[in-house]
Amino acid sequence: QVQLVESGGGLVQAGGSLRLSCALSGRTFSNYEMGWFRQAPGKEREFVGAISRNGGSTYYTDSVKGRFTISRDNAKNTVYVQMNSLKPEDTAVYYCAARTYSGCSGYGCYSNPYGYDYWGQGTQVTVSS
């Protein structure tokens, strides 16, 4: 049974930074491609970014490009998202997700939430103006 646990959320002023972590347990972490999604109140869950199994490929939604960086440490079974230059519109619950490699690659595959097999419980990020 795969479990994902996010941490690192909190309250930050606009322009500030946060780093979210997501630890996977129960299976071999390096077998999973990892994604980050977020959901703001009253809005649908949206793709933030994703990283391939070996970290060699990353994908980001346009609104976070140049501000967010996703990385992973397979030795620590953890994926991270470093969020810089935060804006009030980044306020949301952030979820990490894991998907088994299926051969599907590219932005369209990584950004599809239905392609992920496991989800964390989410961590709140609030950016004040």
Protein backbone atom coordinates (compact mmCIF):
# COMPACT_ATOMS: atom_id res chain seq x y z
CA GLN A 1 0.00 0.00 0.00
CA VAL A 2 1.49 3.29 -1.11
CA GLN A 3 1.22 6.22 1.24
CA LEU A 4 2.07 9.81 0.40
CA VAL A 5 2.56 12.42 3.08
CA GLU A 6 3.02 16.08 2.22
CA SER A 7 4.59 18.66 4.50
CA GLY A 8 5.93 22.18 4.37
CA GLY A 9 2.80 24.18 3.77
CA GLY A 10 2.00 27.37 5.65
CA LEU A 11 1.34 31.07 5.49
CA VAL A 12 3.76 33.29 3.58
CA GLN A 13 3.71 36.83 2.27
CA ALA A 14 3.60 37.55 -1.42
CA GLY A 15 7.08 37.33 -2.88
CA GLY A 16 8.15 34.76 -0.33
CA SER A 17 9.16 31.14 -0.69
CA LEU A 18 8.12 27.74 0.56
CA ARG A 19 9.36 24.24 -0.07
CA LEU A 20 6.88 21.41 0.02
CA SER A 21 7.95 17.83 0.54
CA CYS A 22 6.15 14.60 -0.18
CA ALA A 23 7.39 11.31 1.21
CA LEU A 24 6.32 8.01 -0.30
CA SER A 25 6.25 4.78 1.68
CA GLY A 26 5.13 1.26 1.02
CA ARG A 27 6.72 0.77 -2.39
CA THR A 28 9.90 1.55 -4.27
CA PHE A 29 9.84 5.29 -4.81
CA SER A 30 12.00 5.25 -7.91
CA ASN A 31 9.34 3.24 -9.74
CA TYR A 32 6.91 6.15 -9.63
CA GLU A 33 6.54 9.32 -11.58
CA MET A 34 5.49 12.12 -9.29
CA GLY A 35 3.16 15.04 -9.76
CA TRP A 36 2.03 18.08 -7.83
CA PHE A 37 -1.50 19.43 -8.10
CA ARG A 38 -3.35 22.17 -6.27
CA GLN A 39 -6.92 23.10 -5.55
CA ALA A 40 -8.10 26.53 -4.55
CA PRO A 41 -11.49 27.09 -2.88
CA GLY A 42 -14.28 26.85 -5.40
CA LYS A 43 -11.97 25.73 -8.18
CA GLU A 44 -11.08 22.45 -9.78
CA ARG A 45 -7.86 20.66 -9.01
CA GLU A 46 -5.15 21.83 -11.36
CA PHE A 47 -1.79 20.50 -12.43
CA VAL A 48 1.26 22.28 -11.04
CA GLY A 49 4.13 20.15 -12.25
CA ALA A 50 5.62 16.70 -12.43
CA ILE A 51 8.90 14.85 -12.55
CA SER A 52 9.96 11.62 -14.19
CA ARG A 53 11.25 8.62 -12.30
CA ASN A 54 14.91 9.54 -12.56
CA GLY A 55 14.34 13.27 -12.34
CA GLY A 56 15.56 13.82 -15.85
CA SER A 57 12.32 15.37 -17.07
CA THR A 58 10.12 17.97 -15.44
CA TYR A 59 6.91 19.61 -16.57
CA TYR A 60 5.19 22.73 -15.29
CA THR A 61 2.01 24.58 -15.87
CA ASP A 62 2.62 27.98 -17.42
CA SER A 63 1.58 29.97 -14.35
CA VAL A 64 4.43 28.55 -12.24
CA LYS A 65 7.22 28.28 -14.79
CA GLY A 66 10.31 30.12 -13.63
CA ARG A 67 9.01 30.28 -10.05
CA PHE A 68 8.53 26.64 -9.02
CA THR A 69 11.09 23.86 -9.23
CA ILE A 70 10.31 20.19 -8.73
CA SER A 71 13.03 17.78 -7.69
CA ARG A 72 13.29 14.36 -6.15
CA ASP A 73 15.66 12.39 -3.98
CA ASN A 74 15.18 8.71 -4.68
CA ALA A 75 17.42 7.78 -1.77
CA LYS A 76 15.05 9.60 0.58
CA ASN A 77 11.84 8.54 -1.16
CA THR A 78 10.86 12.19 -1.36
CA VAL A 79 9.76 14.67 -3.99
CA TYR A 80 9.96 18.40 -3.48
CA VAL A 81 8.55 21.55 -4.96
CA GLN A 82 10.48 24.74 -4.29
CA MET A 83 8.10 27.66 -4.66
CA ASN A 84 9.58 31.12 -5.07
CA SER A 85 8.06 34.53 -5.79
CA LEU A 86 4.77 33.31 -4.42
CA LYS A 87 1.61 35.17 -5.36
CA PRO A 88 -1.79 35.31 -3.65
CA GLU A 89 -3.20 33.29 -6.55
CA ASP A 90 -0.92 30.41 -5.54
CA THR A 91 -3.05 29.96 -2.43
CA ALA A 92 -4.45 26.43 -2.49
CA VAL A 93 -4.22 22.98 -1.00
CA TYR A 94 -1.27 21.29 -2.65
CA TYR A 95 -1.34 17.56 -3.32
CA CYS A 96 1.36 15.22 -4.44
CA ALA A 97 0.51 12.20 -6.52
CA ALA A 98 2.29 9.11 -7.78
CA ARG A 99 1.78 7.15 -10.93
CA THR A 100 3.27 3.93 -12.15
CA TYR A 101 5.31 4.29 -15.28
CA SER A 102 3.08 3.39 -18.21
CA GLY A 103 5.15 4.46 -21.17
CA CYS A 104 3.00 7.54 -21.57
CA SER A 105 5.18 10.62 -21.59
CA GLY A 106 4.94 14.30 -22.31
CA TYR A 107 3.03 17.14 -20.75
CA GLY A 108 -0.38 15.76 -21.64
CA CYS A 109 0.27 12.56 -19.76
CA TYR A 110 1.87 14.07 -16.69
CA SER A 111 -0.78 16.76 -16.31
CA ASN A 112 -3.71 14.35 -16.38
CA PRO A 113 -4.84 13.73 -12.78
CA TYR A 114 -6.63 10.53 -13.79
CA GLY A 115 -3.30 8.99 -14.67
CA TYR A 116 -2.14 9.02 -11.05
CA ASP A 117 -2.67 6.03 -8.82
CA TYR A 118 -2.01 7.47 -5.37
CA TRP A 119 -2.60 10.82 -3.72
CA GLY A 120 -1.48 12.51 -0.54
CA GLN A 121 -3.81 14.23 1.88
CA GLY A 122 -2.73 17.71 0.86
CA THR A 123 -1.04 20.62 2.57
CA GLN A 124 -2.36 24.16 2.73
CA VAL A 125 -0.39 27.02 1.20
CA THR A 126 -1.66 30.52 1.88
CA VAL A 127 -0.03 33.55 0.31
CA SER A 128 -1.02 36.89 1.76
CA SER A 129 -0.90 40.12 -0.22
